[in-house]
C-alpha atoms as a PDB file:
ATOM      1  CA  UNK A   1     -31.464 -10.937  -2.562  1.00  0.00           C
ATOM      2  CA  UNK A   2     -28.748  -8.321  -2.732  1.00  0.00           C
ATOM      3  CA  UNK A   3     -25.379  -8.710  -4.384  1.00  0.00           C
ATOM      4  CA  UNK A   4     -22.329  -6.620  -3.560  1.00  0.00           C
ATOM      5  CA  UNK A   5     -19.703  -6.417  -6.260  1.00  0.00           C
ATOM      6  CA  UNK A   6     -16.060  -6.572  -5.232  1.00  0.00           C
ATOM      7  CA  UNK A   7     -13.782  -5.204  -7.927  1.00  0.00           C
ATOM      8  CA  UNK A   8     -10.169  -4.184  -8.440  1.00  0.00           C
ATOM      9  CA  UNK A   9      -9.597  -1.414 -10.951  1.00  0.00           C
ATOM     10  CA  UNK A  10      -7.280   1.479 -11.773  1.00  0.00           C
ATOM     11  CA  UNK A  11      -7.935   4.730  -9.921  1.00  0.00           C
ATOM     12  CA  UNK A  12      -9.542   7.612 -11.829  1.00  0.00           C
ATOM     13  CA  UNK A  13      -9.365  11.319 -11.053  1.00  0.00           C
ATOM     14  CA  UNK A  14     -12.892  11.340  -9.681  1.00  0.00           C
ATOM     15  CA  UNK A  15     -11.755   8.739  -7.100  1.00  0.00           C
ATOM     16  CA  UNK A  16      -9.296  11.196  -5.492  1.00  0.00           C
ATOM     17  CA  UNK A  17     -11.539  12.396  -2.606  1.00  0.00           C
ATOM     18  CA  UNK A  18     -12.580   8.868  -1.586  1.00  0.00           C
ATOM     19  CA  UNK A  19      -9.010   7.615  -2.042  1.00  0.00           C
ATOM     20  CA  UNK A  20      -7.707  10.382   0.238  1.00  0.00           C
ATOM     21  CA  UNK A  21     -10.304   9.373   2.825  1.00  0.00           C
ATOM     22  CA  UNK A  22      -9.324   5.682   2.594  1.00  0.00           C
ATOM     23  CA  UNK A  23      -5.643   6.634   2.919  1.00  0.00           C
ATOM     24  CA  UNK A  24      -6.363   8.804   5.956  1.00  0.00           C
ATOM     25  CA  UNK A  25      -8.317   6.094   7.770  1.00  0.00           C
ATOM     26  CA  UNK A  26      -5.924   3.260   6.890  1.00  0.00           C
ATOM     27  CA  UNK A  27      -2.780   5.175   7.858  1.00  0.00           C
ATOM     28  CA  UNK A  28      -4.189   6.429  11.152  1.00  0.00           C
ATOM     29  CA  UNK A  29      -5.152   2.866  12.052  1.00  0.00           C
ATOM     30  CA  UNK A  30      -1.910   1.261  10.866  1.00  0.00           C
ATOM     31  CA  UNK A  31       0.495   3.759  12.418  1.00  0.00           C
ATOM     32  CA  UNK A  32      -1.202   5.084  15.569  1.00  0.00           C
ATOM     33  CA  UNK A  33       1.243   4.402  18.375  1.00  0.00           C
ATOM     34  CA  UNK A  34       4.111   3.622  15.982  1.00  0.00           C
ATOM     35  CA  UNK A  35       4.740   6.938  14.250  1.00  0.00           C
ATOM     36  CA  UNK A  36       4.689   9.963  16.592  1.00  0.00           C
ATOM     37  CA  UNK A  37       1.304  11.714  16.465  1.00  0.00           C
ATOM     38  CA  UNK A  38       2.446  15.029  14.980  1.00  0.00           C
ATOM     39  CA  UNK A  39       4.513  13.261  12.320  1.00  0.00           C
ATOM     40  CA  UNK A  40       1.631  10.955  11.424  1.00  0.00           C
ATOM     41  CA  UNK A  41      -0.690  13.957  11.114  1.00  0.00           C
ATOM     42  CA  UNK A  42       1.775  15.635   8.707  1.00  0.00           C
ATOM     43  CA  UNK A  43       2.041  12.477   6.585  1.00  0.00           C
ATOM     44  CA  UNK A  44      -1.741  12.104   6.368  1.00  0.00           C
ATOM     45  CA  UNK A  45      -2.339  15.817   5.681  1.00  0.00           C
ATOM     46  CA  UNK A  46       0.039  15.788   2.689  1.00  0.00           C
ATOM     47  CA  UNK A  47      -2.096  13.193   0.938  1.00  0.00           C
ATOM     48  CA  UNK A  48      -5.341  15.035   0.361  1.00  0.00           C
ATOM     49  CA  UNK A  49      -7.553  14.782  -2.733  1.00  0.00           C
ATOM     50  CA  UNK A  50      -5.331  17.160  -4.763  1.00  0.00           C
ATOM     51  CA  UNK A  51      -2.264  14.976  -4.134  1.00  0.00           C
ATOM     52  CA  UNK A  52      -4.084  11.813  -5.212  1.00  0.00           C
ATOM     53  CA  UNK A  53      -5.602  13.538  -8.251  1.00  0.00           C
ATOM     54  CA  UNK A  54      -2.128  14.684  -9.346  1.00  0.00           C
ATOM     55  CA  UNK A  55      -0.691  11.184  -8.838  1.00  0.00           C
ATOM     56  CA  UNK A  56      -3.487   9.640 -10.914  1.00  0.00           C
ATOM     57  CA  UNK A  57      -3.086  12.248 -13.686  1.00  0.00           C
ATOM     58  CA  UNK A  58       0.701  11.625 -13.740  1.00  0.00           C
ATOM     59  CA  UNK A  59      -0.027   7.982 -14.498  1.00  0.00           C
ATOM     60  CA  UNK A  60       0.953   6.467 -11.153  1.00  0.00           C
ATOM     61  CA  UNK A  61      -0.194   2.882 -10.920  1.00  0.00           C
ATOM     62  CA  UNK A  62      -2.881   2.921  -8.262  1.00  0.00           C
ATOM     63  CA  UNK A  63      -5.247  -0.028  -7.995  1.00  0.00           C
ATOM     64  CA  UNK A  64      -8.443   0.312  -5.985  1.00  0.00           C
ATOM     65  CA  UNK A  65     -10.337  -2.488  -4.330  1.00  0.00           C
ATOM     66  CA  UNK A  66     -13.972  -1.478  -4.300  1.00  0.00           C
ATOM     67  CA  UNK A  67     -16.699  -3.097  -2.242  1.00  0.00           C
ATOM     68  CA  UNK A  68     -19.958  -2.000  -3.788  1.00  0.00           C
ATOM     69  CA  UNK A  69     -19.577   1.752  -4.211  1.00  0.00           C
ATOM     70  CA  UNK A  70     -16.974   2.135  -1.447  1.00  0.00           C
ATOM     71  CA  UNK A  71     -13.209   2.205  -1.823  1.00  0.00           C
ATOM     72  CA  UNK A  72     -12.113  -0.507   0.611  1.00  0.00           C
ATOM     73  CA  UNK A  73      -8.398  -0.148  -0.086  1.00  0.00           C
ATOM     74  CA  UNK A  74      -5.678   0.631  -2.570  1.00  0.00           C
ATOM     75  CA  UNK A  75      -2.235  -0.359  -3.783  1.00  0.00           C
ATOM     76  CA  UNK A  76       0.310   2.035  -5.282  1.00  0.00           C
ATOM     77  CA  UNK A  77       3.169   0.357  -7.145  1.00  0.00           C
ATOM     78  CA  UNK A  78       5.753   0.604  -9.912  1.00  0.00           C
ATOM     79  CA  UNK A  79       9.473   0.183 -10.463  1.00  0.00           C
ATOM     80  CA  UNK A  80      11.679  -0.644  -7.482  1.00  0.00           C
ATOM     81  CA  UNK A  81      13.106   2.550  -5.999  1.00  0.00           C
ATOM     82  CA  UNK A  82      15.901   0.839  -4.010  1.00  0.00           C
ATOM     83  CA  UNK A  83      18.538   0.300  -6.683  1.00  0.00           C
ATOM     84  CA  UNK A  84      20.660  -1.701  -4.216  1.00  0.00           C
ATOM     85  CA  UNK A  85      18.010  -4.445  -4.263  1.00  0.00           C
ATOM     86  CA  UNK A  86      17.821  -6.717  -7.338  1.00  0.00           C
ATOM     87  CA  UNK A  87      14.036  -6.637  -7.781  1.00  0.00           C
ATOM     88  CA  UNK A  88      12.295  -4.971 -10.689  1.00  0.00           C
ATOM     89  CA  UNK A  89       9.018  -3.958  -9.090  1.00  0.00           C
ATOM     90  CA  UNK A  90       7.899  -2.494  -5.807  1.00  0.00           C
ATOM     91  CA  UNK A  91       4.581  -2.161  -4.064  1.00  0.00           C
ATOM     92  CA  UNK A  92       4.967   1.242  -2.443  1.00  0.00           C
ATOM     93  CA  UNK A  93       1.729   1.086  -0.477  1.00  0.00           C
ATOM     94  CA  UNK A  94      -1.018  -1.446   0.124  1.00  0.00           C
ATOM     95  CA  UNK A  95      -3.689  -0.412   2.613  1.00  0.00           C
ATOM     96  CA  UNK A  96      -7.237  -1.375   3.496  1.00  0.00           C
ATOM     97  CA  UNK A  97      -9.757   0.438   5.628  1.00  0.00           C
ATOM     98  CA  UNK A  98      -9.892  -1.360   9.005  1.00  0.00           C
ATOM     99  CA  UNK A  99     -13.342  -2.874   8.468  1.00  0.00           C
ATOM    100  CA  UNK A 100     -12.120  -4.669   5.320  1.00  0.00           C
ATOM    101  CA  UNK A 101      -9.021  -6.208   6.885  1.00  0.00           C
ATOM    102  CA  UNK A 102      -8.811  -9.932   7.590  1.00  0.00           C
ATOM    103  CA  UNK A 103     -11.281 -10.857   4.827  1.00  0.00           C
ATOM    104  CA  UNK A 104      -8.843 -11.797   2.051  1.00  0.00           C
ATOM    105  CA  UNK A 105      -9.132  -8.444   0.275  1.00  0.00           C
ATOM    106  CA  UNK A 106      -5.493  -7.510   0.940  1.00  0.00           C
ATOM    107  CA  UNK A 107      -4.358 -10.733  -0.699  1.00  0.00           C
ATOM    108  CA  UNK A 108      -6.566 -10.010  -3.734  1.00  0.00           C
ATOM    109  CA  UNK A 109      -5.137  -6.506  -4.026  1.00  0.00           C
ATOM    110  CA  UNK A 110      -1.562  -7.801  -3.672  1.00  0.00           C
ATOM    111  CA  UNK A 111      -2.105 -10.456  -6.359  1.00  0.00           C
ATOM    112  CA  UNK A 112      -3.596  -7.862  -8.733  1.00  0.00           C
ATOM    113  CA  UNK A 113      -0.671  -5.458  -8.224  1.00  0.00           C
ATOM    114  CA  UNK A 114       1.848  -8.290  -8.641  1.00  0.00           C
ATOM    115  CA  UNK A 115       0.112  -9.431 -11.841  1.00  0.00           C
ATOM    116  CA  UNK A 116       0.235  -5.886 -13.238  1.00  0.00           C
ATOM    117  CA  UNK A 117       3.944  -5.606 -12.365  1.00  0.00           C
ATOM    118  CA  UNK A 118       4.616  -8.877 -14.229  1.00  0.00           C
ATOM    119  CA  UNK A 119       2.737  -7.481 -17.252  1.00  0.00           C
ATOM    120  CA  UNK A 120       5.005  -4.401 -17.009  1.00  0.00           C
ATOM    121  CA  UNK A 121       8.027  -6.713 -17.292  1.00  0.00           C
ATOM    122  CA  UNK A 122       8.798  -6.673 -13.544  1.00  0.00           C
ATOM    123  CA  UNK A 123       8.439 -10.323 -12.448  1.00  0.00           C
ATOM    124  CA  UNK A 124      10.133  -9.825  -9.073  1.00  0.00           C
ATOM    125  CA  UNK A 125       9.097  -7.337  -6.431  1.00  0.00           C
ATOM    126  CA  UNK A 126       9.857  -5.901  -3.045  1.00  0.00           C
ATOM    127  CA  UNK A 127       7.684  -4.354  -0.306  1.00  0.00           C
ATOM    128  CA  UNK A 128       8.914  -2.419   2.741  1.00  0.00           C
ATOM    129  CA  UNK A 129       7.127  -2.547   6.111  1.00  0.00           C
ATOM    130  CA  UNK A 130       7.895  -1.038   9.491  1.00  0.00           C
ATOM    131  CA  UNK A 131       9.212  -3.866  11.662  1.00  0.00           C
ATOM    132  CA  UNK A 132       6.918  -2.883  14.552  1.00  0.00           C
ATOM    133  CA  UNK A 133       3.848  -3.006  12.294  1.00  0.00           C
ATOM    134  CA  UNK A 134       3.067  -6.598  13.224  1.00  0.00           C
ATOM    135  CA  UNK A 135      -0.056  -6.766  11.055  1.00  0.00           C
ATOM    136  CA  UNK A 136       1.854  -5.783   7.908  1.00  0.00           C
ATOM    137  CA  UNK A 137       4.849  -8.002   8.676  1.00  0.00           C
ATOM    138  CA  UNK A 138       2.542 -10.970   9.313  1.00  0.00           C
ATOM    139  CA  UNK A 139       0.562 -10.223   6.148  1.00  0.00           C
ATOM    140  CA  UNK A 140       3.633 -10.176   3.899  1.00  0.00           C
ATOM    141  CA  UNK A 141       5.058 -13.308   5.525  1.00  0.00           C
ATOM    142  CA  UNK A 142       1.729 -15.099   5.004  1.00  0.00           C
ATOM    143  CA  UNK A 143       1.905 -14.148   1.325  1.00  0.00           C
ATOM    144  CA  UNK A 144       5.285 -15.897   1.064  1.00  0.00           C
ATOM    145  CA  UNK A 145       7.479 -12.815   1.281  1.00  0.00           C
ATOM    146  CA  UNK A 146      11.088 -13.412   2.229  1.00  0.00           C
ATOM    147  CA  UNK A 147      12.869 -10.814   4.380  1.00  0.00           C
ATOM    148  CA  UNK A 148      15.831  -9.625   2.277  1.00  0.00           C
ATOM    149  CA  UNK A 149      16.930  -6.266   3.685  1.00  0.00           C
ATOM    150  CA  UNK A 150      16.613  -3.991   6.683  1.00  0.00           C
ATOM    151  CA  UNK A 151      16.836  -0.239   7.016  1.00  0.00           C
ATOM    152  CA  UNK A 152      15.567   2.605   9.166  1.00  0.00           C
ATOM    153  CA  UNK A 153      13.318   5.590   8.616  1.00  0.00           C
ATOM    154  CA  UNK A 154      13.129   8.767  10.675  1.00  0.00           C
ATOM    155  CA  UNK A 155       9.812  10.244  11.763  1.00  0.00           C
ATOM    156  CA  UNK A 156      10.640  13.458  13.610  1.00  0.00           C
ATOM    157  CA  UNK A 157      12.843  12.451  16.540  1.00  0.00           C
ATOM    158  CA  UNK A 158      11.956   8.762  16.280  1.00  0.00           C
ATOM    159  CA  UNK A 159      13.886   6.281  14.127  1.00  0.00           C
ATOM    160  CA  UNK A 160      11.985   3.116  13.204  1.00  0.00           C
ATOM    161  CA  UNK A 161      13.321  -0.108  11.729  1.00  0.00           C
ATOM    162  CA  UNK A 162      11.855  -1.407   8.504  1.00  0.00           C
ATOM    163  CA  UNK A 163      12.181  -4.670   6.622  1.00  0.00           C
ATOM    164  CA  UNK A 164      11.982  -5.456   2.903  1.00  0.00           C
ATOM    165  CA  UNK A 165      10.115  -8.548   1.755  1.00  0.00           C
ATOM    166  CA  UNK A 166      10.672  -9.963  -1.713  1.00  0.00           C
ATOM    167  CA  UNK A 167       8.956 -12.256  -4.180  1.00  0.00           C
ATOM    168  CA  UNK A 168      10.515 -13.749  -7.269  1.00  0.00           C
ATOM    169  CA  UNK A 169       8.367 -14.760 -10.195  1.00  0.00           C
END
């Protein structure tokens, strides 16, 4: 009988290469066809192992969901960056490799990040998603997120709508 351990833990510097690989795969899958190809390539290329190592060393809150020895996904979170919104915390990114999606792992990662934000004294939180990213929008709605704001973001010549979902304590 074999047992695979699923764990959520803080990222360490030695995770940077595998984290960069998970980011690359998750972003290409999530945004292919939404963000123009050259812009998506630039966004992915900026987040190599050195970028992730620096973020981890700076103390960024990055939680990893591991499945056995593999990094299945990650969440990056902290204080809310949109001062116009009355929420203390923000999940900046929450991504899973495609083969780990739809199995409940995203929910586990979200709950862990939310719990850590509460422990940081941030009981309410916000998450932004591109409106056309139906998987993300559906995921945050299924978690009980309430749409509270809309904005846009430019990717080269393309402007995309985005929506903020919130959760109170």
